Structure formats: C-alpha cells, structure tokens
C-alpha cells in the first residue's frame, strides 16, 4: 500500500524501520483495507501474519481510535492528557 500514496504519518513510520527489518513486511498480507472515511474519521486494515494469525490496524482521529481500544479506560488520561 505504501507505493499507492503514503501520507506523512505513513512515511515517518516507514522511514523509522531499520533497513534490515523492512523485508519482513513482505511476510505480512493485507487481506482487507478501508480507506480513510471522514464520517468515521479513520482508516483500517486487516493483516495476516506469517503463521496465519489475523489482526487489525487503524489510523485516525485520536478519540476515535482510543474508543476502539479494549483498555481505553486505562489509557484515556495518558492519551488525552
């Protein structure tokens, strides 16, 4: 997906990964992707690991992403100040 037009946050994250670790990205398969939606204020992807586990990642408005967290009560004050 990075080749399809990364935004500034994607670029900073990708550039922070050590070159030796970047080949590992190819071991993970993006199985679903939802582009940024201004109504729900986030984008998300479903990813499959090399051993078959599946997880979701999201990027978006802080409060929206925090609301998705299972432990939001524990980290609300740290995240929002």
N, C-alpha and C. Protein backbone atom coordinates (compact mmCIF):
# COMPACT_ATOMS: atom_id res chain seq x y z
N UNK A 1 0.82 -1.18 0.00
CA UNK A 1 0.00 0.00 0.00
C UNK A 1 0.87 1.26 0.00
N UNK A 2 2.06 1.17 0.55
CA UNK A 2 2.92 2.36 0.61
C UNK A 2 3.19 2.92 -0.78
N UNK A 3 3.26 2.08 -1.78
CA UNK A 3 3.53 2.57 -3.13
C UNK A 3 2.32 3.26 -3.74
N UNK A 4 1.16 3.14 -3.11
CA UNK A 4 -0.07 3.72 -3.65
C UNK A 4 -0.36 5.11 -3.10
N UNK A 5 0.61 5.74 -2.47
CA UNK A 5 0.40 7.10 -2.00
C UNK A 5 0.34 7.21 -0.50
N UNK A 6 1.47 7.04 0.13
CA UNK A 6 1.54 7.15 1.59
C UNK A 6 1.37 8.61 2.01
N UNK A 7 0.76 8.81 3.16
CA UNK A 7 0.67 10.16 3.68
C UNK A 7 1.87 10.41 4.59
N UNK A 8 1.93 11.58 5.20
CA UNK A 8 3.09 11.96 6.00
C UNK A 8 3.31 11.02 7.18
N UNK A 9 2.26 10.59 7.85
CA UNK A 9 2.40 9.69 9.00
C UNK A 9 2.95 8.35 8.54
N UNK A 10 2.42 7.80 7.45
CA UNK A 10 2.92 6.54 6.91
C UNK A 10 4.40 6.64 6.58
N UNK A 11 4.80 7.75 5.97
CA UNK A 11 6.19 7.94 5.57
C UNK A 11 7.11 7.98 6.78
N UNK A 12 6.73 8.69 7.83
CA UNK A 12 7.55 8.77 9.04
C UNK A 12 7.70 7.39 9.67
N UNK A 13 6.63 6.64 9.76
CA UNK A 13 6.69 5.30 10.35
C UNK A 13 7.57 4.39 9.50
N UNK A 14 7.36 4.39 8.21
CA UNK A 14 8.16 3.53 7.32
C UNK A 14 9.63 3.88 7.39
N UNK A 15 9.95 5.15 7.45
CA UNK A 15 11.35 5.57 7.50
C UNK A 15 12.02 5.27 8.84
N UNK A 16 11.22 5.01 9.87
CA UNK A 16 11.80 4.71 11.18
C UNK A 16 12.17 3.23 11.34
N UNK A 17 11.73 2.40 10.41
CA UNK A 17 12.03 0.97 10.48
C UNK A 17 13.43 0.73 9.91
N UNK A 18 14.22 -0.05 10.63
CA UNK A 18 15.59 -0.36 10.18
C UNK A 18 15.53 -1.08 8.84
N UNK A 19 16.47 -0.77 7.97
CA UNK A 19 16.52 -1.39 6.64
C UNK A 19 16.54 -2.91 6.73
N UNK A 20 17.22 -3.45 7.74
CA UNK A 20 17.30 -4.90 7.90
C UNK A 20 15.94 -5.53 8.21
N UNK A 21 15.03 -4.74 8.78
CA UNK A 21 13.70 -5.26 9.13
C UNK A 21 12.66 -5.09 8.03
N UNK A 22 12.90 -4.22 7.07
CA UNK A 22 11.90 -3.94 6.03
C UNK A 22 11.51 -5.16 5.20
N UNK A 23 12.42 -6.09 4.90
CA UNK A 23 12.00 -7.28 4.15
C UNK A 23 10.93 -8.10 4.87
N UNK A 24 10.84 -8.00 6.18
CA UNK A 24 9.83 -8.74 6.94
C UNK A 24 8.42 -8.27 6.60
N UNK A 25 8.27 -7.03 6.11
CA UNK A 25 6.95 -6.52 5.74
C UNK A 25 6.28 -7.44 4.71
N UNK A 26 7.08 -8.02 3.83
CA UNK A 26 6.53 -8.87 2.77
C UNK A 26 5.96 -10.17 3.32
N UNK A 27 6.27 -10.50 4.58
CA UNK A 27 5.75 -11.72 5.20
C UNK A 27 4.31 -11.53 5.68
N UNK A 28 3.86 -10.29 5.76
CA UNK A 28 2.52 -9.97 6.24
C UNK A 28 1.64 -9.63 5.05
N UNK A 29 0.41 -10.14 5.06
CA UNK A 29 -0.50 -9.95 3.93
C UNK A 29 -1.68 -9.08 4.37
N UNK A 30 -1.88 -8.01 3.65
CA UNK A 30 -3.05 -7.17 3.90
C UNK A 30 -4.24 -7.83 3.22
N UNK A 31 -5.20 -8.28 4.02
CA UNK A 31 -6.34 -9.01 3.46
C UNK A 31 -7.56 -8.12 3.25
N UNK A 32 -7.58 -6.97 3.88
CA UNK A 32 -8.69 -6.04 3.71
C UNK A 32 -8.20 -4.64 4.04
N UNK A 33 -8.74 -3.64 3.36
CA UNK A 33 -8.35 -2.26 3.61
C UNK A 33 -9.55 -1.35 3.44
N UNK A 34 -9.77 -0.48 4.40
CA UNK A 34 -10.81 0.53 4.33
C UNK A 34 -10.12 1.89 4.29
N UNK A 35 -10.22 2.61 3.17
CA UNK A 35 -9.59 3.93 3.09
C UNK A 35 -10.17 4.89 4.12
N UNK A 36 -9.47 5.98 4.33
CA UNK A 36 -9.94 6.97 5.30
C UNK A 36 -11.36 7.41 4.94
N UNK A 37 -12.20 7.40 5.95
CA UNK A 37 -13.59 7.81 5.79
C UNK A 37 -13.80 9.01 6.71
N UNK A 38 -14.08 10.18 6.17
CA UNK A 38 -14.24 11.37 7.02
C UNK A 38 -15.42 11.28 7.98
N UNK A 39 -16.36 10.40 7.71
CA UNK A 39 -17.51 10.25 8.61
C UNK A 39 -17.09 9.51 9.88
N UNK A 40 -16.34 8.40 9.73
CA UNK A 40 -15.90 7.64 10.90
C UNK A 40 -14.51 8.05 11.37
N UNK A 41 -13.85 8.92 10.60
CA UNK A 41 -12.57 9.55 10.95
C UNK A 41 -11.44 8.56 11.20
N UNK A 42 -11.39 7.50 10.36
CA UNK A 42 -10.29 6.54 10.48
C UNK A 42 -10.15 5.74 9.19
N UNK A 43 -9.01 5.09 9.09
CA UNK A 43 -8.75 4.09 8.06
C UNK A 43 -8.33 2.83 8.79
N UNK A 44 -8.57 1.67 8.22
CA UNK A 44 -8.15 0.46 8.89
C UNK A 44 -7.83 -0.63 7.89
N UNK A 45 -7.01 -1.56 8.34
CA UNK A 45 -6.63 -2.70 7.51
C UNK A 45 -6.65 -3.96 8.35
N UNK A 46 -6.90 -5.07 7.68
CA UNK A 46 -6.81 -6.38 8.30
C UNK A 46 -5.55 -7.02 7.75
N UNK A 47 -4.74 -7.59 8.64
CA UNK A 47 -3.43 -8.12 8.26
C UNK A 47 -3.31 -9.57 8.74
N UNK A 48 -2.73 -10.42 7.89
CA UNK A 48 -2.47 -11.80 8.27
C UNK A 48 -0.96 -11.98 8.45
N UNK A 49 -0.58 -12.58 9.57
CA UNK A 49 0.83 -12.81 9.89
C UNK A 49 1.34 -14.05 9.17
N UNK A 50 2.66 -14.25 9.15
CA UNK A 50 3.20 -15.44 8.51
C UNK A 50 2.67 -16.76 9.09
N UNK A 51 2.30 -16.76 10.38
CA UNK A 51 1.80 -18.01 10.98
C UNK A 51 0.27 -18.12 10.90
N UNK A 52 -0.38 -17.19 10.21
CA UNK A 52 -1.81 -17.29 9.98
C UNK A 52 -2.69 -16.47 10.92
N UNK A 53 -2.10 -15.89 11.96
CA UNK A 53 -2.89 -15.03 12.84
C UNK A 53 -3.36 -13.80 12.07
N UNK A 54 -4.49 -13.25 12.47
CA UNK A 54 -5.06 -12.08 11.81
C UNK A 54 -5.27 -10.98 12.85
N UNK A 55 -4.90 -9.75 12.49
CA UNK A 55 -5.13 -8.62 13.37
C UNK A 55 -5.52 -7.41 12.54
N UNK A 56 -6.08 -6.40 13.22
CA UNK A 56 -6.48 -5.16 12.55
C UNK A 56 -5.60 -4.02 13.04
N UNK A 57 -5.34 -3.10 12.15
CA UNK A 57 -4.64 -1.87 12.49
C UNK A 57 -5.50 -0.70 12.04
N UNK A 58 -5.40 0.39 12.77
CA UNK A 58 -6.20 1.57 12.43
C UNK A 58 -5.38 2.83 12.62
N UNK A 59 -5.74 3.83 11.86
CA UNK A 59 -5.13 5.15 11.99
C UNK A 59 -6.24 6.15 11.81
N UNK A 60 -6.27 7.15 12.68
CA UNK A 60 -7.32 8.14 12.55
C UNK A 60 -7.30 9.13 13.69
N UNK A 61 -8.43 9.77 13.89
CA UNK A 61 -8.56 10.75 14.95
C UNK A 61 -8.30 10.08 16.30
N UNK A 62 -7.56 10.75 17.16
CA UNK A 62 -7.16 10.17 18.44
C UNK A 62 -8.33 9.64 19.23
N UNK A 63 -9.35 10.42 19.40
CA UNK A 63 -10.50 9.98 20.21
C UNK A 63 -11.23 8.81 19.57
N UNK A 64 -11.27 8.76 18.26
CA UNK A 64 -11.93 7.66 17.56
C UNK A 64 -11.16 6.36 17.76
N UNK A 65 -9.84 6.42 17.58
CA UNK A 65 -9.01 5.23 17.76
C UNK A 65 -9.02 4.80 19.22
N UNK A 66 -8.94 5.73 20.14
CA UNK A 66 -8.98 5.40 21.56
C UNK A 66 -10.28 4.67 21.91
N UNK A 67 -11.37 5.09 21.32
CA UNK A 67 -12.67 4.46 21.59
C UNK A 67 -12.68 2.99 21.16
N UNK A 68 -11.84 2.63 20.21
CA UNK A 68 -11.76 1.25 19.72
C UNK A 68 -10.95 0.34 20.64
N UNK A 69 -10.19 0.92 21.55
CA UNK A 69 -9.28 0.15 22.40
C UNK A 69 -10.00 -0.58 23.52
N UNK A 70 -9.61 -1.81 23.75
CA UNK A 70 -10.21 -2.61 24.82
C UNK A 70 -9.87 -2.02 26.19
N UNK A 71 -8.71 -1.40 26.32
CA UNK A 71 -8.28 -0.85 27.61
C UNK A 71 -8.35 0.67 27.63
N UNK A 72 -9.32 1.23 26.94
CA UNK A 72 -9.41 2.70 26.84
C UNK A 72 -9.52 3.39 28.18
N UNK A 73 -10.17 2.77 29.14
CA UNK A 73 -10.29 3.40 30.46
C UNK A 73 -8.93 3.53 31.13
N UNK A 74 -8.04 2.57 30.87
CA UNK A 74 -6.72 2.58 31.49
C UNK A 74 -5.79 3.62 30.89
N UNK A 75 -5.99 3.95 29.61
CA UNK A 75 -5.04 4.84 28.96
C UNK A 75 -5.64 6.17 28.52
N UNK A 76 -6.90 6.42 28.80
CA UNK A 76 -7.56 7.65 28.39
C UNK A 76 -6.82 8.90 28.85
N UNK A 77 -6.46 8.96 30.13
CA UNK A 77 -5.79 10.16 30.66
C UNK A 77 -4.41 10.35 30.06
N UNK A 78 -3.71 9.26 29.84
CA UNK A 78 -2.35 9.36 29.25
C UNK A 78 -2.44 9.85 27.81
N UNK A 79 -3.40 9.34 27.07
CA UNK A 79 -3.52 9.69 25.66
C UNK A 79 -4.08 11.09 25.47
N UNK A 80 -5.10 11.43 26.22
CA UNK A 80 -5.76 12.72 26.02
C UNK A 80 -5.25 13.83 26.95
N UNK A 81 -4.43 13.43 27.92
CA UNK A 81 -3.84 14.44 28.80
C UNK A 81 -4.66 14.78 29.94
